């Protein structure tokens, strides 16, 4: 699957057991760790309280649980498919036998009953009674013993009850079950959709409880750290050095990149450039710079700030994402300077080129020169072919050679296009910490507009992580920064919420 991205309220039958309302009271929930195609939930581990990932929820206001999809070619994916197919084939054989064997079907129906009841709200008494009566285990067992159990008819009734409980986004999936006439296949489809419905309900309940979960996560993390600090008073030494380095970075203006080309107006002043203008240091400025420095952290530097150790893996991934975006934007900027608005005015062409370049840049960190050689060849080919498809003349041999040469130079860290793009993305991220992501996306500096969606994703992840960290450790940062900064420069008496 692609991860389930929808954040939608579930249909709430309410007093009339139908219609569209939102649940009012979040109740106990189960976290669906399985894929909707998994065998019956009792055969797998599914019971987890929604508070289990509270640290992740606290950092991510848009947290949601998505379906895990395994690549079909992977060993785990093949094993999973094999087991699932064997299970459902066995069920089909049981139901097709003479007389039918309902042992597996009865277990499945029992699981379906439990899932449906878990999706109900406390006030949905009539629907609860209907589910309990229709799927009464004792009555179903008696019907099975008499050979009178109609699995197909009962499954159709289950589908009709699912229409009252599913989120609007699942309507089509539920309706598609109506055309299934094979009872084993229908039960498999029911479990697939019920898996999605449980995921929707869990995500909705998490959203409703998000403020409480976030507050709990903050209090818990702070209490744990305070206890560690009590046992080890020097626990903030690396954090103090980290903030000191950020203050030193802000005290010296970074050197400009000489001879930087300006094919897309990179040198033009940006509305956001005020964020980098010299001004007296404040705790907020230092903390923003310190967070930004974490994305460029030297893996050999063992003095990682103690307050961010739990987030180190996430920060490492964000740093890798930042590097990939810097190279991708550099590639697009150089390519656009050779074809201009003729090709880059087409969103379809830009999206195709981005997908191609992103795929080829997967190995950039380990083999930059080889990766950029492949990128240069493919990008040149895409531009030449697209120009010909539009009935235009392709690039001359000199222009094509120059394009490929400039693209290959991006492999060098000191490449000016790459350096300027890198500075621009850093400025954008700093603005995100101060202004928020949406405001920072307004008036993007030249060279970044083509990766706006990717920047928004990176910025949101970065802001969520740093905001949560500052809520937990803000008092410690405030104390360190007040001692670190001269009184004349400490314009704020406490660290503001980023």
Protein backbone atom coordinates (compact mmCIF):
# COMPACT_ATOMS: atom_id res chain seq x y z
CA UNK A 1 0.00 0.00 0.00
CA UNK A 2 0.84 3.22 -0.09
CA UNK A 3 0.38 4.48 3.43
CA UNK A 4 -3.19 5.33 4.28
CA UNK A 5 -3.05 9.12 4.20
CA UNK A 6 -6.69 9.98 4.76
CA UNK A 7 -7.63 11.68 8.00
CA UNK A 8 -11.38 11.34 7.88
CA UNK A 9 -14.06 11.10 10.55
CA UNK A 10 -15.99 7.87 10.55
CA UNK A 11 -19.66 7.60 9.82
CA UNK A 12 -21.48 7.72 13.11
CA UNK A 13 -24.93 6.17 12.89
CA UNK A 14 -25.77 7.90 16.15
CA UNK A 15 -29.25 7.44 17.53
CA UNK A 16 -30.69 6.40 14.18
CA UNK A 17 -27.63 4.24 13.46
CA UNK A 18 -27.06 5.95 10.13
CA UNK A 19 -26.06 9.30 8.71
CA UNK A 20 -22.75 11.16 8.99
CA UNK A 21 -21.55 12.48 12.33
CA UNK A 22 -18.25 12.45 14.15
CA UNK A 23 -17.55 10.36 17.23
CA UNK A 24 -17.69 12.49 20.34
CA UNK A 25 -15.84 10.41 22.88
CA UNK A 26 -12.62 8.57 22.14
CA UNK A 27 -12.74 5.17 23.71
CA UNK A 28 -10.33 2.31 24.09
CA UNK A 29 -8.90 1.32 20.76
CA UNK A 30 -6.69 -1.30 19.23
CA UNK A 31 -3.77 -0.46 17.07
CA UNK A 32 -3.77 -2.38 13.82
CA UNK A 33 -0.22 -3.46 13.28
CA UNK A 34 -1.17 -5.80 10.47
CA UNK A 35 -1.93 -5.29 6.85
CA UNK A 36 -5.62 -5.52 5.95
CA UNK A 37 -4.79 -8.58 3.86
CA UNK A 38 -3.52 -10.44 6.88
CA UNK A 39 -5.33 -13.56 8.11
CA UNK A 40 -7.87 -13.16 10.92
CA UNK A 41 -6.58 -10.79 13.60
CA UNK A 42 -6.50 -13.49 16.31
CA UNK A 43 -3.81 -15.23 14.29
CA UNK A 44 -1.58 -12.16 14.59
CA UNK A 45 -0.62 -9.60 17.23
CA UNK A 46 -2.93 -6.62 17.04
CA UNK A 47 -3.65 -5.39 20.54
CA UNK A 48 -1.81 -2.21 21.40
CA UNK A 49 -2.92 0.93 23.13
CA UNK A 50 -2.75 4.10 21.06
CA UNK A 51 -0.50 5.70 23.65
CA UNK A 52 2.33 3.31 22.78
CA UNK A 53 3.79 5.60 20.05
CA UNK A 54 3.12 8.72 22.16
CA UNK A 55 6.60 10.18 21.55
CA UNK A 56 6.10 10.01 17.79
CA UNK A 57 2.56 11.36 18.11
CA UNK A 58 3.82 14.20 20.25
CA UNK A 59 6.25 15.29 17.54
CA UNK A 60 3.88 14.81 14.63
CA UNK A 61 0.55 16.62 14.67
CA UNK A 62 -0.37 14.74 11.48
CA UNK A 63 0.53 11.33 12.87
CA UNK A 64 -1.38 8.44 11.37
CA UNK A 65 -0.98 4.70 11.26
CA UNK A 66 -0.62 3.44 7.71
CA UNK A 67 -0.81 0.03 6.14
CA UNK A 68 2.55 -1.68 5.83
CA UNK A 69 3.21 -2.85 2.31
CA UNK A 70 5.95 -5.30 1.55
CA UNK A 71 7.55 -5.35 -1.91
CA UNK A 72 6.16 -8.39 -3.75
CA UNK A 73 9.69 -9.40 -4.71
CA UNK A 74 10.96 -9.37 -1.12
CA UNK A 75 11.40 -12.61 0.79
CA UNK A 76 9.06 -11.42 3.53
CA UNK A 77 6.47 -10.35 0.96
CA UNK A 78 6.59 -13.71 -0.82
CA UNK A 79 6.33 -15.62 2.45
CA UNK A 80 3.38 -13.51 3.53
CA UNK A 81 1.54 -14.00 0.24
CA UNK A 82 2.19 -17.72 0.34
CA UNK A 83 0.80 -18.09 3.87
CA UNK A 84 -2.23 -15.93 3.17
CA UNK A 85 -3.10 -17.73 -0.03
CA UNK A 86 -2.72 -21.09 1.67
CA UNK A 87 -5.04 -19.99 4.48
CA UNK A 88 -7.80 -18.73 2.21
CA UNK A 89 -7.45 -21.70 -0.16
CA UNK A 90 -7.90 -24.00 2.84
CA UNK A 91 -11.07 -22.10 3.82
CA UNK A 92 -12.43 -22.47 0.29
CA UNK A 93 -11.78 -26.21 0.36
CA UNK A 94 -13.61 -26.53 3.68
CA UNK A 95 -16.67 -24.64 2.46
CA UNK A 96 -16.72 -26.57 -0.83
CA UNK A 97 -16.55 -29.98 0.86
CA UNK A 98 -19.55 -32.30 1.10
CA UNK A 99 -20.78 -31.76 3.71
CA UNK A 100 -19.19 -28.34 4.29
CA UNK A 101 -16.71 -27.94 7.12
CA UNK A 102 -17.52 -24.70 8.94
CA UNK A 103 -14.82 -24.86 11.63
CA UNK A 104 -12.60 -22.16 10.08
CA UNK A 105 -15.56 -20.04 9.01
CA UNK A 106 -16.94 -19.97 12.55
CA UNK A 107 -13.63 -18.69 13.88
CA UNK A 108 -13.54 -16.01 11.21
CA UNK A 109 -17.09 -14.91 11.98
CA UNK A 110 -16.20 -14.67 15.65
CA UNK A 111 -13.27 -12.40 14.78
CA UNK A 112 -15.44 -10.27 12.51
CA UNK A 113 -17.93 -9.80 15.34
CA UNK A 114 -15.18 -8.59 17.69
CA UNK A 115 -13.84 -6.16 15.08
CA UNK A 116 -17.28 -4.72 14.31
CA UNK A 117 -18.02 -4.24 18.00
CA UNK A 118 -14.66 -2.50 18.47
CA UNK A 119 -15.67 0.06 15.85
CA UNK A 120 -18.85 1.06 17.71
CA UNK A 121 -19.33 4.05 19.94
CA UNK A 122 -20.93 3.68 23.38
CA UNK A 123 -24.27 5.13 22.26
CA UNK A 124 -24.69 2.80 19.26
CA UNK A 125 -26.75 0.30 21.24
CA UNK A 126 -29.13 -0.78 18.50
CA UNK A 127 -26.34 -1.63 16.08
CA UNK A 128 -24.46 -3.39 18.86
CA UNK A 129 -27.51 -5.56 19.52
CA UNK A 130 -27.90 -6.27 15.80
CA UNK A 131 -24.28 -7.39 15.47
CA UNK A 132 -24.49 -9.53 18.60
CA UNK A 133 -27.67 -11.23 17.37
CA UNK A 134 -26.52 -11.77 13.78
CA UNK A 135 -23.15 -13.18 14.82
CA UNK A 136 -24.12 -15.04 17.98
CA UNK A 137 -21.51 -17.81 18.26
CA UNK A 138 -23.89 -20.32 19.85
CA UNK A 139 -26.58 -19.94 17.19
CA UNK A 140 -24.05 -20.03 14.37
CA UNK A 141 -22.56 -23.24 15.77
CA UNK A 142 -26.02 -24.85 15.92
CA UNK A 143 -26.73 -23.85 12.29
CA UNK A 144 -23.36 -25.25 11.25
CA UNK A 145 -24.06 -28.56 12.97
CA UNK A 146 -27.39 -28.80 11.13
CA UNK A 147 -25.71 -27.87 7.84
CA UNK A 148 -27.98 -24.83 7.60
CA UNK A 149 -25.32 -22.12 7.91
CA UNK A 150 -25.20 -19.88 4.84
CA UNK A 151 -21.80 -18.21 4.96
CA UNK A 152 -22.54 -16.20 1.82
CA UNK A 153 -25.84 -14.83 3.12
CA UNK A 154 -24.31 -13.96 6.49
CA UNK A 155 -21.31 -12.31 4.83
CA UNK A 156 -23.63 -10.12 2.77
CA UNK A 157 -25.34 -9.04 5.98
CA UNK A 158 -21.95 -8.22 7.48
CA UNK A 159 -21.18 -6.04 4.46
CA UNK A 160 -24.44 -4.14 4.98
CA UNK A 161 -23.44 -3.44 8.60
CA UNK A 162 -19.99 -2.31 7.48
CA UNK A 163 -21.58 0.39 5.31
CA UNK A 164 -22.92 1.98 8.52
CA UNK A 165 -19.52 2.03 10.19
CA UNK A 166 -16.95 2.79 7.49
CA UNK A 167 -15.48 6.20 6.77
CA UNK A 168 -16.68 7.83 3.53
CA UNK A 169 -13.34 7.09 1.92
CA UNK A 170 -14.04 3.35 2.36
CA UNK A 171 -17.51 3.42 0.77
CA UNK A 172 -16.23 2.26 -2.61
CA UNK A 173 -14.23 -0.60 -1.08
CA UNK A 174 -17.25 -1.81 0.90
CA UNK A 175 -19.57 -1.52 -2.10
CA UNK A 176 -17.16 -3.54 -4.24
CA UNK A 177 -17.77 -6.51 -1.92
CA UNK A 178 -21.41 -6.73 -3.02
CA UNK A 179 -20.47 -8.26 -6.36
CA UNK A 180 -18.46 -11.12 -4.78
CA UNK A 181 -20.36 -14.41 -4.80
CA UNK A 182 -17.68 -16.81 -3.60
CA UNK A 183 -18.04 -17.03 0.22
CA UNK A 184 -14.32 -17.59 0.90
CA UNK A 185 -13.32 -14.72 -1.36
CA UNK A 186 -15.97 -12.51 0.22
CA UNK A 187 -14.69 -13.23 3.72
CA UNK A 188 -11.17 -12.38 2.57
CA UNK A 189 -12.40 -9.10 1.13
CA UNK A 190 -14.28 -8.35 4.35
CA UNK A 191 -11.09 -8.77 6.38
CA UNK A 192 -9.19 -6.53 3.99
CA UNK A 193 -11.68 -3.69 4.36
CA UNK A 194 -12.12 -4.22 8.11
CA UNK A 195 -8.36 -3.80 8.47
CA UNK A 196 -8.60 -0.41 6.80
CA UNK A 197 -11.61 0.53 8.92
CA UNK A 198 -9.78 -0.29 12.14
CA UNK A 199 -6.87 1.79 10.91
CA UNK A 200 -9.19 4.71 10.20
CA UNK A 201 -10.77 4.47 13.64
CA UNK A 202 -7.41 4.26 15.37
CA UNK A 203 -6.12 7.30 13.47
CA UNK A 204 -9.25 9.27 14.28
CA UNK A 205 -9.04 8.45 17.97
CA UNK A 206 -5.36 9.35 18.02
CA UNK A 207 -6.18 12.72 16.48
CA UNK A 208 -8.83 13.34 19.11
CA UNK A 209 -6.37 12.43 21.88
CA UNK A 210 -3.37 14.11 20.27
CA UNK A 211 -3.18 17.09 22.68
CA UNK A 212 -3.32 14.80 25.73
CA UNK A 213 -0.81 12.38 24.21
CA UNK A 214 1.50 15.24 23.34
CA UNK A 215 1.35 16.67 26.85
CA UNK A 216 1.94 13.21 28.32
CA UNK A 217 4.94 12.69 26.05
CA UNK A 218 6.45 16.02 27.08
CA UNK A 219 6.00 15.46 30.81
CA UNK A 220 7.30 11.91 30.64
CA UNK A 221 10.42 12.77 28.59
CA UNK A 222 11.26 15.72 30.83
CA UNK A 223 10.82 13.69 34.01
CA UNK A 224 13.03 10.90 32.68
CA UNK A 225 15.76 13.34 31.67
CA UNK A 226 15.57 15.16 35.00
CA UNK A 227 16.11 11.89 36.82
CA UNK A 228 19.14 11.12 34.66
CA UNK A 229 20.46 14.65 35.24
CA UNK A 230 20.07 14.18 38.98
CA UNK A 231 22.24 11.07 38.86
CA UNK A 232 24.74 12.60 36.43
CA UNK A 233 25.09 16.39 36.86
CA UNK A 234 27.37 16.75 33.80
CA UNK A 235 24.75 15.35 31.47
CA UNK A 236 24.27 18.70 29.69
CA UNK A 237 27.95 19.27 28.80
CA UNK A 238 27.57 18.32 25.12
CA UNK A 239 24.34 20.29 24.88
CA UNK A 240 26.15 23.38 26.18
CA UNK A 241 28.95 22.95 23.61
CA UNK A 242 26.36 22.47 20.85
CA UNK A 243 24.62 25.75 21.73
CA UNK A 244 27.97 27.54 22.11
CA UNK A 245 28.99 26.49 18.59
CA UNK A 246 25.71 27.79 17.21
CA UNK A 247 26.28 31.17 18.87
CA UNK A 248 29.77 31.28 17.39
CA UNK A 249 28.39 30.43 13.93
CA UNK A 250 25.99 33.35 14.10
CA UNK A 251 28.75 35.74 15.18
CA UNK A 252 30.61 35.28 11.88
CA UNK A 253 29.00 35.79 8.48
CA UNK A 254 29.43 32.74 6.17
CA UNK A 255 31.67 33.39 3.13
CA UNK A 256 29.92 34.02 -0.15
CA UNK A 257 30.35 31.62 -3.04
CA UNK A 258 32.49 33.36 -5.69
CA UNK A 259 31.52 33.26 -9.34
CA UNK A 260 28.17 31.63 -8.57
CA UNK A 261 26.01 31.49 -11.71
CA UNK A 262 22.62 33.08 -11.48
CA UNK A 263 20.51 31.38 -14.18
CA UNK A 264 17.31 31.60 -12.17
CA UNK A 265 17.81 34.78 -10.20
CA UNK A 266 19.63 33.23 -7.26
CA UNK A 267 21.38 36.48 -6.50
CA UNK A 268 18.19 38.50 -6.22
CA UNK A 269 17.26 39.50 -2.68
CA UNK A 270 14.69 37.22 -1.13
CA UNK A 271 11.84 38.34 1.15
CA UNK A 272 13.22 35.86 3.64
CA UNK A 273 16.77 37.25 3.64
CA UNK A 274 15.97 39.37 6.66
CA UNK A 275 16.25 36.18 8.69
CA UNK A 276 20.01 36.10 7.97
CA UNK A 277 20.77 39.81 8.46
CA UNK A 278 23.13 40.66 11.31
CA UNK A 279 21.42 41.52 14.57
CA UNK A 280 22.05 41.03 18.26
CA UNK A 281 21.93 37.38 19.20
CA UNK A 282 18.86 36.12 20.99
CA UNK A 283 18.20 32.69 22.49
CA UNK A 284 15.71 31.95 19.71
CA UNK A 285 18.24 32.74 16.99
CA UNK A 286 20.92 30.60 18.61
CA UNK A 287 18.56 27.69 19.18
CA UNK A 288 17.34 27.83 15.56
CA UNK A 289 20.93 27.77 14.29
CA UNK A 290 21.77 24.95 16.66
CA UNK A 291 18.91 22.82 15.39
CA UNK A 292 19.97 23.53 11.80
CA UNK A 293 23.54 22.45 12.58
CA UNK A 294 22.23 19.03 13.60
CA UNK A 295 21.33 18.31 9.97
CA UNK A 296 25.01 18.74 9.07
CA UNK A 297 26.39 16.82 12.03
CA UNK A 298 29.69 15.04 11.50
CA UNK A 299 29.02 11.35 12.25
CA UNK A 300 32.52 11.11 13.75
CA UNK A 301 31.68 13.80 16.30
CA UNK A 302 30.75 11.93 19.47
CA UNK A 303 29.68 15.06 21.35
CA UNK A 304 26.07 14.87 20.20
CA UNK A 305 23.76 16.94 22.45
CA UNK A 306 22.32 14.80 25.21
CA UNK A 307 18.86 16.33 24.82
CA UNK A 308 18.55 15.02 21.25
CA UNK A 309 19.94 11.51 21.52
CA UNK A 310 16.47 9.97 21.12
CA UNK A 311 16.00 11.93 17.90
CA UNK A 312 19.42 11.22 16.42
CA UNK A 313 18.20 8.65 13.88
CA UNK A 314 15.42 10.97 12.72
CA UNK A 315 17.84 13.87 12.39
CA UNK A 316 20.26 11.70 10.43
CA UNK A 317 17.48 10.82 7.99
CA UNK A 318 16.43 14.48 7.69
CA UNK A 319 20.06 15.36 6.96
CA UNK A 320 20.18 12.75 4.21
CA UNK A 321 16.90 14.08 2.81
CA UNK A 322 18.37 17.60 2.86
CA UNK A 323 21.44 16.50 0.90
CA UNK A 324 19.33 14.70 -1.70
CA UNK A 325 17.09 17.75 -2.12
CA UNK A 326 20.11 20.04 -2.51
CA UNK A 327 21.50 17.91 -5.32
CA UNK A 328 18.08 17.45 -6.95
CA UNK A 329 17.40 21.20 -6.96
CA UNK A 330 20.87 21.84 -8.36
CA UNK A 331 20.24 19.38 -11.18
CA UNK A 332 16.91 20.97 -12.03
CA UNK A 333 18.36 24.47 -11.91
CA UNK A 334 21.21 23.63 -14.28
CA UNK A 335 18.89 21.73 -16.62
CA UNK A 336 16.39 24.59 -16.72
CA UNK A 337 19.11 27.03 -17.73
CA UNK A 338 19.60 25.03 -20.95
CA UNK A 339 15.96 24.63 -21.92
CA UNK A 340 14.27 27.51 -20.13
CA UNK A 341 10.51 27.79 -19.96
CA UNK A 342 10.05 25.74 -23.12
CA UNK A 343 10.25 22.49 -21.16
CA UNK A 344 10.21 23.59 -17.54
CA UNK A 345 6.92 25.37 -18.07
CA UNK A 346 5.36 21.91 -18.32
CA UNK A 347 4.58 20.37 -14.90
CA UNK A 348 4.44 16.96 -16.54
CA UNK A 349 8.00 17.26 -17.85
CA UNK A 350 9.29 18.59 -14.53
CA UNK A 351 7.65 15.76 -12.58
CA UNK A 352 9.09 13.16 -14.94
CA UNK A 353 12.57 14.66 -14.74
CA UNK A 354 12.35 14.86 -10.93
CA UNK A 355 11.35 11.20 -10.67
CA UNK A 356 14.16 10.17 -13.00
CA UNK A 357 16.82 12.22 -11.23
CA UNK A 358 15.63 11.21 -7.75
CA UNK A 359 15.87 7.52 -8.63
CA UNK A 360 19.36 7.92 -10.05
CA UNK A 361 20.54 9.90 -7.02
CA UNK A 362 19.84 7.12 -4.53
CA UNK A 363 23.53 6.18 -4.50
CA UNK A 364 24.84 9.73 -4.51
CA UNK A 365 26.14 9.62 -0.92
CA UNK A 366 28.32 6.58 -1.59
CA UNK A 367 29.25 7.19 -5.26
CA UNK A 368 28.69 10.89 -6.10
CA UNK A 369 30.77 11.04 -9.28
CA UNK A 370 29.28 7.87 -10.77
CA UNK A 371 25.75 8.92 -9.81
CA UNK A 372 26.11 12.36 -11.41
CA UNK A 373 27.57 10.85 -14.58
CA UNK A 374 24.46 8.71 -14.95
CA UNK A 375 22.21 11.66 -14.08
CA UNK A 376 23.90 13.92 -16.63
CA UNK A 377 23.47 11.38 -19.41
CA UNK A 378 19.82 10.70 -18.59
CA UNK A 379 18.86 14.37 -18.11
CA UNK A 380 20.54 15.35 -21.38
CA UNK A 381 18.70 12.56 -23.16
CA UNK A 382 15.35 13.57 -21.63
CA UNK A 383 15.79 17.20 -22.68
CA UNK A 384 16.88 16.30 -26.22
CA UNK A 385 13.99 13.89 -26.69
CA UNK A 386 11.40 16.29 -25.28
CA UNK A 387 12.57 19.13 -27.50
CA UNK A 388 12.30 16.90 -30.56
CA UNK A 389 8.84 15.72 -29.51
CA UNK A 390 7.75 19.37 -29.47
CA UNK A 391 9.13 19.87 -32.97
CA UNK A 392 12.01 22.01 -31.72
CA UNK A 393 15.69 21.78 -32.42
CA UNK A 394 17.65 19.80 -29.91
CA UNK A 395 20.69 21.08 -28.04
CA UNK A 396 23.82 21.56 -30.08
CA UNK A 397 26.72 19.24 -29.36
CA UNK A 398 28.52 22.04 -27.49
CA UNK A 399 25.45 22.84 -25.38
CA UNK A 400 24.84 19.18 -24.62
CA UNK A 401 28.46 18.74 -23.57
CA UNK A 402 28.28 21.88 -21.40
CA UNK A 403 25.05 20.66 -19.79
CA UNK A 404 26.54 17.29 -18.94
CA UNK A 405 29.73 18.88 -17.64
CA UNK A 406 27.87 21.27 -15.33
CA UNK A 407 25.69 18.46 -14.04
CA UNK A 408 28.70 16.27 -13.30
CA UNK A 409 30.36 19.15 -11.42
CA UNK A 410 27.48 19.02 -8.89
CA UNK A 411 29.22 15.96 -7.43
CA UNK A 412 31.81 18.36 -5.98
CA UNK A 413 30.95 19.82 -2.58
CA UNK A 414 32.50 23.15 -3.56
CA UNK A 415 30.36 23.42 -6.72
CA UNK A 416 28.90 26.93 -6.67
CA UNK A 417 25.40 26.01 -7.85
CA UNK A 418 25.20 23.34 -5.19
CA UNK A 419 26.60 25.71 -2.54
CA UNK A 420 24.07 28.43 -3.31
CA UNK A 421 21.17 25.97 -3.32
CA UNK A 422 22.44 24.53 -0.05
CA UNK A 423 22.49 28.00 1.53
CA UNK A 424 19.01 28.74 0.23
CA UNK A 425 17.56 25.53 1.69
CA UNK A 426 19.24 26.22 5.03
CA UNK A 427 17.72 29.70 5.03
CA UNK A 428 14.32 28.22 4.22
CA UNK A 429 14.56 25.77 7.12
CA UNK A 430 15.61 28.54 9.48
CA UNK A 431 12.61 30.57 8.36
CA UNK A 432 10.41 27.53 8.98
CA UNK A 433 11.53 27.48 12.61
CA UNK A 434 10.73 31.18 13.03
CA UNK A 435 7.78 31.80 10.71
CA UNK A 436 6.30 28.35 10.12
CA UNK A 437 6.35 26.24 6.97
CA UNK A 438 3.48 27.84 5.06
CA UNK A 439 4.74 31.40 5.45
CA UNK A 440 8.25 30.32 4.53
CA UNK A 441 6.98 28.82 1.27
CA UNK A 442 5.81 32.26 0.15
CA UNK A 443 8.33 33.93 -2.13
CA UNK A 444 10.77 31.03 -2.33
CA UNK A 445 14.18 32.19 -3.57
CA UNK A 446 15.27 31.25 -7.07
CA UNK A 447 16.15 27.63 -7.63
CA UNK A 448 13.79 26.22 -4.99
CA UNK A 449 10.38 26.65 -6.60
CA UNK A 450 10.72 23.36 -8.51
CA UNK A 451 11.07 21.40 -5.25
CA UNK A 452 8.40 23.26 -3.28
CA UNK A 453 6.45 20.12 -2.33
CA UNK A 454 9.60 18.32 -1.19
CA UNK A 455 10.70 21.37 0.80
CA UNK A 456 7.33 21.57 2.52
CA UNK A 457 7.61 17.92 3.58
CA UNK A 458 11.16 18.37 4.87
CA UNK A 459 10.28 21.60 6.64
CA UNK A 460 7.25 20.10 8.38
CA UNK A 461 9.23 17.12 9.67
CA UNK A 462 12.02 19.37 10.88
CA UNK A 463 9.70 21.83 12.61
CA UNK A 464 7.69 19.05 14.29
CA UNK A 465 10.81 17.40 15.66
CA UNK A 466 12.44 20.60 16.90
CA UNK A 467 9.21 22.00 18.33
CA UNK A 468 8.58 18.88 20.39
CA UNK A 469 12.19 18.79 21.56
CA UNK A 470 12.06 22.42 22.62
CA UNK A 471 8.82 21.86 24.52
CA UNK A 472 10.53 19.09 26.48
CA UNK A 473 13.94 20.67 27.05
CA UNK A 474 13.13 24.39 26.77
CA UNK A 475 13.86 25.12 30.46
CA UNK A 476 17.35 23.59 30.14
CA UNK A 477 18.06 25.52 26.93
CA UNK A 478 16.88 28.74 28.56
CA UNK A 479 19.22 28.32 31.49
CA UNK A 480 22.21 27.53 29.26
CA UNK A 481 21.55 30.38 26.83
CA UNK A 482 20.99 32.97 29.53
CA UNK A 483 24.40 32.09 30.93
CA UNK A 484 25.98 31.90 27.46
CA UNK A 485 24.79 35.16 25.89
CA UNK A 486 25.82 38.58 27.18
CA UNK A 487 23.03 40.44 28.91
CA UNK A 488 23.09 43.12 26.21
CA UNK A 489 22.35 40.48 23.58
CA UNK A 490 19.85 38.36 25.51
CA UNK A 491 16.80 40.08 24.09
CA UNK A 492 14.45 37.41 25.37
CA UNK A 493 14.23 36.28 28.96
CA UNK A 494 13.09 32.83 27.95
CA UNK A 495 13.24 30.59 24.88
CA UNK A 496 10.17 31.19 22.77
CA UNK A 497 8.13 28.32 21.41
CA UNK A 498 9.33 27.73 17.85
